Amino acid sequence: MEITEKNAPEEAFAPPVLHALIPVVVLISLLSFSVYLFGEDASSGPNQIALCMGAAVAAFIGYLNGQTWEQTEASIVSGITVAIKPILILFSVGVLIGSWIMAGTVPTMIYYSLLILDPSIFYAASCLICGLIALSIGSSWTVAGTIGIALIGGAAGLGLSLEITAGAIISGAYFGDKMSPLSETTNLAPAVAGTDLFSHIGHMVWTTTPAIIIALILYALLGLNINSNNSAEDLAITMELLSDNFVLGPLMLLPVIVLLVMANKKLPPVPTILTGAMLAVILALLFQRPVIMALAGDTPNAFLGLFKGVWTTLFDGFALYSGNETLDDLMTRGGMSSMLNTVWLILCAMIFGAVMDHTGLLRCLVSYALSFVHSTGSLIATTVATCIGANIITSDQYISVVLPGRMYKLEYENRNLDMKNLSRTLEDAGTITSPLVPWNTCGAYMSSTLGVATFAYLPYCFFNLICPVIAVIYGFMNFKIAPAPEQAAEIAV
């Protein structure tokens, strides 16, 4: 957050709105061509080039307006610094995924989920399970990287849609993250707006509850179209293959329990994730030696084979050779190297966001948006649009909360609105829409972790799509829009 302030341009520097729109139009045009030409492979290089080209255009406009390259370069370095923590988490999650598959942790979770969850309620149950766990630990990333992977595997085992399942996982994870007092963004939004945490959470209930109820209903309706006979056949095959290739049992769930306990205690994410990974390595060495040796290939002795197999899993991911293509594709993933493309995407996105911020182009767009605010409804709608735009342009969830919060705080005060209206809107739009942008840190993480392209799961993230709409509707209807405490007291008298 300090980086945004440090890189902010001087007040005297105010580029024209047309200048601010040029790099945005260039970026959107290139991203559109990227998706058209490369499809699902767009995030494997084309999107990165689009972001770099957009950043180059923004830097050139900044140069024309008096910004030196040295200043712009310094802002890029600072902008990349913001992404270091997510990058470390991404690499750690890559290690976690590979080690948990190797240890039989993910296969065990998949096996048990197939035993418990009926295909007709799978989507709704996935959303609900992820929501409850995220509510208890306050982290959508942790939920997606643990329970989410198992549910994706369960969906594949039942022959269900991976895209809908990913949407349900993300909807539930972000519902729980948004409403949890342990969540970083849930604490950040009221701090930026100037209200207290529990007033903020209580006010969010009015937009969040109807959104998650509608989402659960939609997932339940989608479940009605599932052919149970086909699912039963896929279920039997998958469960047999899992038990043939891995040692399964409750003990294999120990890394999950330890990780969730550590996350609930708000311990640092990287040590927490790596602890879960190291526990999985120990379990793998004790119970899953055949699958480790299969990874090692020809080695002089068993010790070196186990050592090589574990090492390979940690840096390049786990690979299964069961003879079943579907299961092999599902279980072949993880490792630090699997996150390199995502890291590349995040770095390019942060470069674009940093240049837009430093050159004043981003603030120019926000100030221009304020000129259209004429009522409470339009103010809420503008805040929502700005948060979504910040997620697209800056590629960072936290900036999408902090920047609009600071830019619009005075306007909410001038309109005698309680600051919890602002904090709620920041979460309804900033936090919630971040996984819907492929090059945003959250979208890149969810896509890499769940193995489903962002644009593929986006239409099924019902909660994330509905919540901002409800926020805007409430604003124009003036429903559950709290006046400032002083004004509320006058009305009461």
Protein backbone atom coordinates (compact mmCIF):
# COMPACT_ATOMS: atom_id res chain seq x y z
CA MET A 1 0.00 0.00 0.00
CA GLU A 2 2.91 2.32 0.73
CA ILE A 3 4.22 1.69 -2.75
CA THR A 4 1.10 3.15 -4.32
CA GLU A 5 1.57 6.37 -2.37
CA LYS A 6 5.28 6.55 -3.07
CA ASN A 7 4.78 6.18 -6.79
CA ALA A 8 1.90 8.62 -6.99
CA PRO A 9 2.65 11.54 -9.30
CA GLU A 10 2.86 15.08 -8.04
CA GLU A 11 -0.42 16.97 -7.79
CA ALA A 12 0.70 19.40 -10.50
CA PHE A 13 1.00 16.60 -13.04
CA ALA A 14 -2.45 15.98 -14.55
CA PRO A 15 -2.47 14.24 -17.95
CA PRO A 16 -5.54 14.62 -20.19
CA VAL A 17 -8.20 11.91 -20.07
CA LEU A 18 -7.52 11.01 -23.70
CA HIS A 19 -3.91 10.22 -22.81
CA ALA A 20 -5.07 7.98 -19.96
CA LEU A 21 -7.43 6.05 -22.24
CA ILE A 22 -4.85 5.27 -24.94
CA PRO A 23 -2.87 2.55 -23.07
CA VAL A 24 -6.11 1.04 -21.76
CA VAL A 25 -7.56 0.82 -25.28
CA VAL A 26 -4.28 -0.64 -26.57
CA LEU A 27 -4.27 -3.25 -23.80
CA ILE A 28 -7.90 -4.27 -24.24
CA SER A 29 -7.47 -4.51 -28.02
CA LEU A 30 -4.35 -6.65 -27.75
CA LEU A 31 -5.90 -8.89 -25.09
CA SER A 32 -8.96 -9.38 -27.29
CA PHE A 33 -6.76 -10.39 -30.25
CA SER A 34 -4.79 -12.63 -27.91
CA VAL A 35 -7.88 -14.58 -26.86
CA TYR A 36 -9.15 -14.71 -30.46
CA LEU A 37 -5.89 -15.97 -31.92
CA PHE A 38 -4.58 -18.22 -29.14
CA GLY A 39 -7.68 -19.26 -27.18
CA GLU A 40 -6.88 -21.02 -23.90
CA ASP A 41 -3.15 -20.58 -24.57
CA ALA A 42 -3.48 -16.79 -24.38
CA SER A 43 -2.08 -16.69 -20.83
CA SER A 44 0.99 -18.67 -21.87
CA GLY A 45 2.74 -15.70 -23.48
CA PRO A 46 0.40 -13.62 -25.68
CA ASN A 47 -1.27 -11.88 -22.70
CA GLN A 48 2.14 -11.09 -21.24
CA ILE A 49 3.21 -9.38 -24.47
CA ALA A 50 -0.06 -7.43 -24.51
CA LEU A 51 0.56 -6.18 -20.97
CA CYS A 52 4.14 -5.18 -21.80
CA MET A 53 2.99 -3.31 -24.92
CA GLY A 54 0.36 -1.50 -22.89
CA ALA A 55 3.01 -0.58 -20.32
CA ALA A 56 5.31 0.69 -23.09
CA VAL A 57 2.55 2.94 -24.46
CA ALA A 58 1.82 4.29 -20.95
CA ALA A 59 5.52 4.91 -20.33
CA PHE A 60 5.82 6.80 -23.64
CA ILE A 61 2.83 8.98 -22.74
CA GLY A 62 4.44 9.64 -19.37
CA TYR A 63 7.65 10.64 -21.17
CA LEU A 64 5.72 13.08 -23.37
CA ASN A 65 4.25 14.59 -20.22
CA GLY A 66 7.63 15.12 -18.55
CA GLN A 67 8.31 11.79 -16.81
CA THR A 68 11.87 10.51 -17.18
CA TRP A 69 12.65 6.85 -17.89
CA GLU A 70 14.60 6.64 -14.61
CA GLN A 71 11.45 7.62 -12.67
CA THR A 72 9.31 5.18 -14.61
CA GLU A 73 11.86 2.40 -14.16
CA ALA A 74 11.95 3.00 -10.41
CA SER A 75 8.16 2.73 -10.29
CA ILE A 76 8.31 -0.57 -12.19
CA VAL A 77 10.79 -1.98 -9.67
CA SER A 78 8.56 -0.87 -6.80
CA GLY A 79 5.50 -2.28 -8.53
CA ILE A 80 7.14 -5.66 -8.96
CA THR A 81 8.05 -5.61 -5.27
CA VAL A 82 4.33 -5.65 -4.46
CA ALA A 83 4.06 -9.00 -6.26
CA ILE A 84 6.93 -10.72 -4.44
CA LYS A 85 4.72 -12.13 -1.66
CA PRO A 86 2.13 -13.63 -4.05
CA ILE A 87 4.99 -15.08 -6.14
CA LEU A 88 6.52 -16.78 -3.08
CA ILE A 89 3.10 -18.19 -2.22
CA LEU A 90 2.66 -19.43 -5.79
CA PHE A 91 5.97 -21.31 -5.74
CA SER A 92 5.10 -22.77 -2.33
CA VAL A 93 1.68 -23.90 -3.58
CA GLY A 94 3.38 -25.57 -6.56
CA VAL A 95 5.49 -27.59 -4.13
CA LEU A 96 2.41 -28.32 -2.00
CA ILE A 97 0.30 -29.64 -4.89
CA GLY A 98 3.00 -32.01 -6.13
CA SER A 99 3.85 -33.31 -2.66
CA TRP A 100 0.20 -33.81 -1.65
CA ILE A 101 -0.51 -35.89 -4.75
CA MET A 102 2.66 -37.92 -4.22
CA ALA A 103 1.74 -38.55 -0.55
CA GLY A 104 -1.75 -39.75 -1.42
CA THR A 105 -3.31 -36.74 0.35
CA VAL A 106 -5.12 -35.41 -2.72
CA PRO A 107 -6.13 -38.91 -3.90
CA THR A 108 -7.54 -39.64 -0.42
CA MET A 109 -9.54 -36.40 -0.42
CA ILE A 110 -10.86 -37.23 -3.88
CA TYR A 111 -11.76 -40.77 -2.83
CA TYR A 112 -13.67 -39.63 0.25
CA SER A 113 -15.44 -36.83 -1.63
CA LEU A 114 -16.62 -39.39 -4.19
CA LEU A 115 -17.98 -41.54 -1.36
CA ILE A 116 -19.83 -38.69 0.31
CA LEU A 117 -21.02 -36.31 -2.42
CA ASP A 118 -23.90 -37.28 -4.69
CA PRO A 119 -23.39 -36.02 -8.28
CA SER A 120 -26.69 -34.10 -8.24
CA ILE A 121 -25.56 -31.90 -5.33
CA PHE A 122 -21.84 -31.85 -6.11
CA TYR A 123 -21.67 -28.26 -7.43
CA ALA A 124 -23.74 -26.74 -4.62
CA ALA A 125 -21.93 -28.82 -1.99
CA SER A 126 -18.54 -27.77 -3.36
CA CYS A 127 -19.51 -24.12 -3.04
CA LEU A 128 -20.85 -24.60 0.49
CA ILE A 129 -17.87 -26.63 1.73
CA CYS A 130 -15.36 -24.09 0.40
CA GLY A 131 -17.39 -21.24 1.86
CA LEU A 132 -17.47 -22.72 5.36
CA ILE A 133 -13.75 -23.54 5.39
CA ALA A 134 -12.77 -20.11 4.01
CA LEU A 135 -14.98 -18.50 6.65
CA SER A 136 -13.08 -20.33 9.37
CA ILE A 137 -9.55 -19.60 8.11
CA GLY A 138 -10.05 -16.37 6.11
CA SER A 139 -8.12 -17.41 3.01
CA SER A 140 -9.59 -18.13 -0.42
CA TRP A 141 -6.15 -19.09 -1.76
CA THR A 142 -5.59 -21.75 0.90
CA VAL A 143 -9.04 -23.24 0.30
CA ALA A 144 -8.55 -23.40 -3.47
CA GLY A 145 -5.07 -24.88 -3.11
CA THR A 146 -6.22 -27.66 -0.77
CA ILE A 147 -9.91 -28.58 -0.76
CA GLY A 148 -10.36 -27.06 -4.22
CA ILE A 149 -7.88 -29.43 -5.83
CA ALA A 150 -9.65 -32.43 -4.28
CA LEU A 151 -13.05 -31.23 -5.48
CA ILE A 152 -11.71 -30.72 -9.01
CA GLY A 153 -10.45 -34.28 -8.84
CA GLY A 154 -13.81 -35.47 -7.56
CA ALA A 155 -15.58 -33.73 -10.43
CA ALA A 156 -13.27 -35.41 -12.93
CA GLY A 157 -13.92 -38.76 -11.26
CA LEU A 158 -17.67 -38.27 -11.57
CA GLY A 159 -17.45 -37.03 -15.14
CA LEU A 160 -18.73 -33.58 -14.13
CA SER A 161 -17.84 -30.17 -15.57
CA LEU A 162 -14.50 -28.91 -14.28
CA GLU A 163 -15.44 -25.37 -15.31
CA ILE A 164 -18.62 -25.34 -13.20
CA THR A 165 -16.80 -26.99 -10.30
CA ALA A 166 -14.05 -24.37 -10.42
CA GLY A 167 -16.69 -21.63 -10.45
CA ALA A 168 -18.39 -23.19 -7.41
CA ILE A 169 -15.08 -23.52 -5.55
CA ILE A 170 -14.15 -19.89 -6.23
CA SER A 171 -17.64 -18.64 -5.33
CA GLY A 172 -17.57 -20.43 -2.00
CA ALA A 173 -13.96 -19.53 -1.25
CA TYR A 174 -14.52 -15.82 -1.87
CA PHE A 175 -17.78 -15.79 0.08
CA GLY A 176 -16.00 -17.21 3.13
CA ASP A 177 -12.93 -15.02 2.63
CA LYS A 178 -15.07 -11.89 2.33
CA MET A 179 -17.10 -12.58 5.48
CA SER A 180 -14.27 -13.85 7.69
CA PRO A 181 -12.78 -11.49 10.30
CA LEU A 182 -9.49 -13.36 9.72
CA SER A 183 -9.26 -12.29 6.07
CA GLU A 184 -6.72 -9.66 5.02
CA THR A 185 -9.08 -7.85 2.64
CA THR A 186 -11.90 -7.92 5.19
CA ASN A 187 -9.61 -6.03 7.56
CA LEU A 188 -8.11 -3.84 4.84
CA ALA A 189 -11.39 -2.44 3.45
CA PRO A 190 -12.72 -0.92 6.73
CA ALA A 191 -9.23 0.36 7.57
CA VAL A 192 -9.05 2.23 4.26
CA ALA A 193 -12.61 3.52 4.50
CA GLY A 194 -12.40 4.52 8.15
CA THR A 195 -14.90 2.22 9.85
CA ASP A 196 -14.63 -0.72 12.24
CA LEU A 197 -14.32 -4.36 11.26
CA PHE A 198 -17.55 -5.76 12.66
CA SER A 199 -19.72 -2.90 11.40
CA HIS A 200 -18.19 -3.62 8.01
CA ILE A 201 -18.95 -7.36 8.20
CA GLY A 202 -22.48 -6.73 9.47
CA HIS A 203 -23.17 -4.31 6.61
CA MET A 204 -21.81 -6.81 4.04
CA VAL A 205 -24.43 -9.37 5.11
CA TRP A 206 -27.08 -7.45 3.14
CA THR A 207 -25.31 -7.85 -0.22
CA THR A 208 -23.43 -11.09 0.41
CA THR A 209 -26.28 -13.26 1.72
CA PRO A 210 -28.63 -12.89 -1.28
CA ALA A 211 -25.67 -13.34 -3.65
CA ILE A 212 -24.55 -16.65 -2.12
CA ILE A 213 -28.15 -17.93 -1.86
CA ILE A 214 -28.76 -17.22 -5.55
CA ALA A 215 -25.44 -18.87 -6.42
CA LEU A 216 -26.28 -22.03 -4.43
CA ILE A 217 -29.69 -22.23 -6.13
CA LEU A 218 -28.05 -21.95 -9.56
CA TYR A 219 -25.52 -24.67 -8.73
CA ALA A 220 -28.33 -26.89 -7.46
CA LEU A 221 -30.26 -26.36 -10.71
CA LEU A 222 -27.18 -27.25 -12.76
CA GLY A 223 -26.90 -30.44 -10.73
CA LEU A 224 -30.36 -31.53 -11.82
CA ASN A 225 -29.10 -32.03 -15.38
CA ILE A 226 -26.44 -34.57 -14.39
CA ASN A 227 -26.85 -38.11 -15.71
CA SER A 228 -26.42 -40.23 -12.57
CA ASN A 229 -25.92 -43.49 -14.52
CA ASN A 230 -22.90 -42.16 -16.39
CA SER A 231 -21.56 -40.63 -13.18
CA ALA A 232 -21.88 -43.97 -11.34
CA GLU A 233 -19.76 -45.73 -13.98
CA ASP A 234 -17.07 -43.02 -13.89
CA LEU A 235 -17.17 -43.12 -10.08
CA ALA A 236 -16.47 -46.85 -9.86
CA ILE A 237 -13.58 -46.68 -12.33
CA THR A 238 -11.96 -43.67 -10.65
CA MET A 239 -12.20 -45.09 -7.12
CA GLU A 240 -10.68 -48.40 -8.23
CA LEU A 241 -7.82 -46.64 -10.00
CA LEU A 242 -7.11 -44.45 -6.97
CA SER A 243 -6.97 -47.42 -4.59
CA ASP A 244 -4.78 -49.40 -7.03
CA ASN A 245 -2.18 -46.64 -7.39
CA PHE A 246 -2.07 -45.07 -3.91
CA VAL A 247 -2.24 -46.10 -0.28
CA LEU A 248 -5.36 -44.29 0.93
CA GLY A 249 -6.51 -43.60 4.49
CA PRO A 250 -7.29 -40.97 7.14
CA LEU A 251 -3.59 -40.62 8.02
CA MET A 252 -2.95 -39.15 4.57
CA LEU A 253 -5.13 -36.19 5.57
CA LEU A 254 -2.70 -35.11 8.32
CA PRO A 255 -1.05 -32.42 6.11
CA VAL A 256 -4.50 -30.90 5.41
CA ILE A 257 -5.38 -30.73 9.10
CA VAL A 258 -2.02 -29.22 10.06
CA LEU A 259 -2.20 -26.63 7.27
CA LEU A 260 -5.75 -25.57 8.15
CA VAL A 261 -4.88 -25.26 11.85
CA MET A 262 -1.81 -23.14 11.05
CA ALA A 263 -3.83 -20.99 8.64
CA ASN A 264 -6.56 -20.51 11.25
CA LYS A 265 -3.93 -19.25 13.68
CA LYS A 266 -2.88 -16.70 11.01
CA LEU A 267 0.68 -17.97 10.80
CA PRO A 268 2.69 -16.69 7.79
CA PRO A 269 1.42 -18.34 4.57
CA VAL A 270 4.74 -19.48 3.07
CA PRO A 271 5.99 -21.38 6.17
CA THR A 272 2.47 -22.77 6.64
CA ILE A 273 2.26 -24.10 3.09
CA LEU A 274 5.79 -25.51 3.15
CA THR A 275 5.10 -27.25 6.47
CA GLY A 276 2.13 -28.99 4.83
CA ALA A 277 4.37 -29.96 1.92
CA MET A 278 7.15 -31.39 4.12
CA LEU A 279 4.67 -33.47 6.11
CA ALA A 280 3.40 -34.83 2.79
CA VAL A 281 6.96 -35.79 1.76
CA ILE A 282 7.38 -37.76 4.99
CA LEU A 283 4.08 -39.59 4.42
CA ALA A 284 5.04 -40.31 0.83
CA LEU A 285 8.35 -41.87 1.90
CA LEU A 286 6.52 -44.03 4.44
CA PHE A 287 3.52 -45.16 2.38
CA GLN A 288 3.90 -44.32 -1.33
CA ARG A 289 7.33 -45.68 -2.28
CA PRO A 290 6.22 -47.45 -5.50
CA VAL A 291 4.85 -44.22 -7.05
CA ILE A 292 8.01 -42.35 -6.02
CA MET A 293 10.24 -45.00 -7.57
CA ALA A 294 8.17 -44.81 -10.77
CA LEU A 295 9.12 -41.13 -11.00
CA ALA A 296 12.81 -41.83 -10.50
CA GLY A 297 13.29 -44.13 -13.48
CA ASP A 298 16.54 -46.08 -13.56
CA THR A 299 18.62 -45.38 -10.44
CA PRO A 300 21.48 -47.33 -8.86
CA ASN A 301 19.67 -48.05 -5.59
CA ALA A 302 16.40 -47.50 -3.73
CA PHE A 303 17.68 -44.63 -1.60
CA LEU A 304 18.76 -42.57 -4.61
CA GLY A 305 15.53 -43.49 -6.39
CA LEU A 306 13.37 -42.17 -3.55
CA PHE A 307 15.55 -39.06 -3.26
CA LYS A 308 15.31 -38.35 -7.00
CA GLY A 309 11.55 -38.99 -7.09
CA VAL A 310 10.83 -36.57 -4.25
CA TRP A 311 13.20 -33.96 -5.69
CA THR A 312 11.57 -34.24 -9.12
CA THR A 313 8.10 -33.82 -7.60
CA LEU A 314 9.09 -30.67 -5.72
CA PHE A 315 10.60 -28.85 -8.68
CA ASP A 316 8.74 -30.34 -11.66
CA GLY A 317 5.58 -31.83 -10.17
CA PHE A 318 4.19 -35.31 -9.74
CA ALA A 319 3.40 -37.58 -12.68
CA LEU A 320 1.18 -40.67 -12.58
CA TYR A 321 1.40 -43.55 -15.09
CA SER A 322 -1.71 -45.59 -14.35
CA GLY A 323 -2.72 -46.21 -17.94
CA ASN A 324 -5.93 -44.19 -17.51
CA GLU A 325 -5.51 -40.93 -19.45
CA THR A 326 -8.08 -38.96 -17.45
CA LEU A 327 -6.62 -39.88 -14.06
CA ASP A 328 -3.05 -39.43 -15.26
CA ASP A 329 -3.83 -35.91 -16.52
CA LEU A 330 -5.51 -35.06 -13.23
CA MET A 331 -2.68 -36.37 -11.04
CA THR A 332 0.17 -35.04 -13.19
CA ARG A 333 0.64 -31.54 -11.85
CA GLY A 334 2.36 -29.36 -9.27
CA GLY A 335 5.99 -28.44 -8.69
CA MET A 336 7.62 -25.02 -8.67
CA SER A 337 8.06 -25.06 -12.44
CA SER A 338 4.28 -25.27 -12.95
CA MET A 339 3.97 -21.74 -11.55
CA LEU A 340 6.59 -20.09 -13.78
CA ASN A 341 4.10 -19.07 -16.46
CA THR A 342 1.79 -17.58 -13.83
CA VAL A 343 4.67 -15.66 -12.27
CA TRP A 344 5.56 -14.30 -15.73
CA LEU A 345 1.97 -13.14 -16.18
CA ILE A 346 1.87 -11.45 -12.76
CA LEU A 347 5.18 -9.65 -13.32
CA CYS A 348 4.01 -8.24 -16.67
CA ALA A 349 0.68 -7.21 -15.14
CA MET A 350 2.38 -5.43 -12.25
CA ILE A 351 4.63 -3.57 -14.68
CA PHE A 352 1.60 -2.25 -16.54
CA GLY A 353 -0.15 -1.25 -13.32
CA ALA A 354 2.94 0.44 -11.90
CA VAL A 355 3.48 2.55 -15.03
CA MET A 356 -0.20 3.56 -15.16
CA ASP A 357 -0.04 4.59 -11.51
CA HIS A 358 3.28 6.44 -11.69
CA THR A 359 2.42 8.43 -14.81
CA GLY A 360 -0.84 9.65 -13.23
CA LEU A 361 -2.95 8.01 -15.94
CA LEU A 362 -4.78 5.77 -13.48
CA ARG A 363 -5.72 8.63 -11.16
CA CYS A 364 -6.79 10.65 -14.17
CA LEU A 365 -9.29 7.90 -15.09
CA VAL A 366 -10.63 7.77 -11.53
CA SER A 367 -11.04 11.56 -11.37
CA TYR A 368 -12.84 11.50 -14.71
CA ALA A 369 -15.19 8.81 -13.41
CA LEU A 370 -16.12 11.08 -10.47
CA SER A 371 -17.45 13.67 -12.90
CA PHE A 372 -20.38 11.32 -13.64
CA VAL A 373 -21.40 10.99 -9.99
CA HIS A 374 -24.69 12.81 -9.36
CA SER A 375 -26.44 10.58 -6.81
CA THR A 376 -25.79 7.90 -4.22
CA GLY A 377 -26.59 5.24 -6.80
CA SER A 378 -24.15 6.61 -9.35
CA LEU A 379 -21.50 6.95 -6.62
CA ILE A 380 -21.87 3.28 -5.67
CA ALA A 381 -21.88 2.26 -9.34
CA THR A 382 -18.76 4.36 -10.02
CA THR A 383 -16.98 2.82 -7.03
CA VAL A 384 -17.86 -0.66 -8.29
CA ALA A 385 -16.66 0.17 -11.81
CA THR A 386 -13.42 1.67 -10.47
CA CYS A 387 -12.68 -1.39 -8.32
CA ILE A 388 -13.23 -3.69 -11.30
CA GLY A 389 -11.13 -1.41 -13.50
CA ALA A 390 -8.35 -1.38 -10.91
CA ASN A 391 -8.37 -5.17 -10.86
CA ILE A 392 -7.99 -5.14 -14.64
CA ILE A 393 -5.40 -2.36 -14.88
CA THR A 394 -3.28 -2.83 -11.73
CA SER A 395 -3.74 -6.62 -11.54
CA ASP A 396 -3.70 -6.53 -7.76
CA GLN A 397 -6.60 -7.20 -5.40
CA TYR A 398 -5.24 -4.98 -2.64
CA ILE A 399 -4.76 -1.97 -4.90
CA SER A 400 -8.33 -2.42 -6.16
CA VAL A 401 -9.46 -1.92 -2.56
CA VAL A 402 -7.00 0.77 -1.46
CA LEU A 403 -6.98 3.07 -4.50
CA PRO A 404 -10.77 3.54 -4.91
CA GLY A 405 -11.15 3.68 -1.13
CA ARG A 406 -8.82 6.65 -0.86
CA MET A 407 -10.05 8.34 -4.00
CA TYR A 408 -13.76 8.21 -3.08
CA LYS A 409 -13.67 8.55 0.69
CA LEU A 410 -14.12 12.34 0.61
CA GLU A 411 -17.08 12.02 -1.79
CA TYR A 412 -18.85 9.62 0.60
CA GLU A 413 -18.21 12.07 3.45
CA ASN A 414 -19.57 14.99 1.40
CA ARG A 415 -22.76 13.02 0.75
CA ASN A 416 -23.16 12.25 4.48
CA LEU A 417 -22.82 8.52 3.97
CA ASP A 418 -21.52 6.14 6.61
CA MET A 419 -18.06 4.86 5.71
CA LYS A 420 -19.27 1.27 6.01
CA ASN A 421 -21.09 1.86 2.71
CA LEU A 422 -17.72 2.51 1.09
CA SER A 423 -15.96 -0.42 2.77
CA ARG A 424 -18.77 -2.79 1.75
CA THR A 425 -18.65 -1.63 -1.87
CA LEU A 426 -14.87 -2.02 -1.97
CA GLU A 427 -15.29 -5.69 -1.03
CA ASP A 428 -18.36 -6.24 -3.22
CA ALA A 429 -16.37 -5.18 -6.27
CA GLY A 430 -12.64 -5.15 -5.51
CA THR A 431 -12.17 -8.36 -3.54
CA ILE A 432 -14.87 -10.35 -5.33
CA THR A 433 -13.94 -9.68 -8.98
CA SER A 434 -10.18 -10.21 -8.66
CA PRO A 435 -10.27 -13.95 -9.62
CA LEU A 436 -12.23 -13.10 -12.77
CA VAL A 437 -9.29 -11.31 -14.42
CA PRO A 438 -6.77 -13.77 -15.97
CA TRP A 439 -3.72 -11.56 -15.40
CA ASN A 440 -4.73 -10.45 -11.90
CA THR A 441 -2.72 -12.19 -9.18
CA CYS A 442 -5.91 -13.89 -7.94
CA GLY A 443 -7.13 -14.96 -11.38
CA ALA A 444 -3.70 -16.29 -12.31
CA TYR A 445 -3.49 -18.21 -9.03
CA MET A 446 -6.94 -19.79 -9.32
CA SER A 447 -6.37 -20.81 -12.93
CA SER A 448 -2.99 -22.38 -12.20
CA THR A 449 -4.10 -24.11 -9.01
CA LEU A 450 -7.40 -25.53 -10.26
CA GLY A 451 -6.15 -26.25 -13.78
CA VAL A 452 -9.06 -24.42 -15.44
CA ALA A 453 -8.66 -21.31 -17.62
CA THR A 454 -10.03 -18.10 -16.11
CA PHE A 455 -12.39 -17.36 -18.98
CA ALA A 456 -13.62 -20.96 -18.82
CA TYR A 457 -14.70 -20.81 -15.16
CA LEU A 458 -15.71 -17.12 -15.18
CA PRO A 459 -19.35 -17.65 -16.32
CA TYR A 460 -19.88 -20.06 -13.42
CA CYS A 461 -18.51 -17.86 -10.63
CA PHE A 462 -22.08 -16.91 -9.81
CA PHE A 463 -21.38 -15.35 -6.42
CA ASN A 464 -18.56 -13.19 -7.80
CA LEU A 465 -20.71 -12.00 -10.70
CA ILE A 466 -23.90 -11.37 -8.73
CA CYS A 467 -22.49 -9.53 -5.70
CA PRO A 468 -21.37 -6.35 -7.54
CA VAL A 469 -24.74 -6.21 -9.33
CA ILE A 470 -26.60 -6.36 -6.02
CA ALA A 471 -24.38 -3.57 -4.66
CA VAL A 472 -25.29 -1.31 -7.58
CA ILE A 473 -29.02 -2.13 -7.30
CA TYR A 474 -28.98 -1.30 -3.59
CA GLY A 475 -27.31 2.02 -4.38
CA PHE A 476 -29.92 3.16 -6.89
CA MET A 477 -32.78 1.90 -4.71
CA ASN A 478 -31.18 3.54 -1.66
CA PHE A 479 -31.74 0.21 0.11
CA LYS A 480 -29.52 -0.52 3.13
CA ILE A 481 -27.42 2.57 2.45
CA ALA A 482 -26.52 3.84 5.90
CA PRO A 483 -26.32 7.61 6.53
CA ALA A 484 -23.41 9.08 8.44
CA PRO A 485 -23.74 8.63 12.23
CA GLU A 486 -24.47 12.32 12.78
CA GLN A 487 -27.19 12.40 10.13
CA ALA A 488 -28.65 9.14 11.40
CA ALA A 489 -28.91 10.63 14.88
CA GLU A 490 -30.75 13.70 13.52
CA ILE A 491 -33.20 11.47 11.64
CA ALA A 492 -33.83 9.45 14.79
CA VAL A 493 -34.64 12.62 16.75
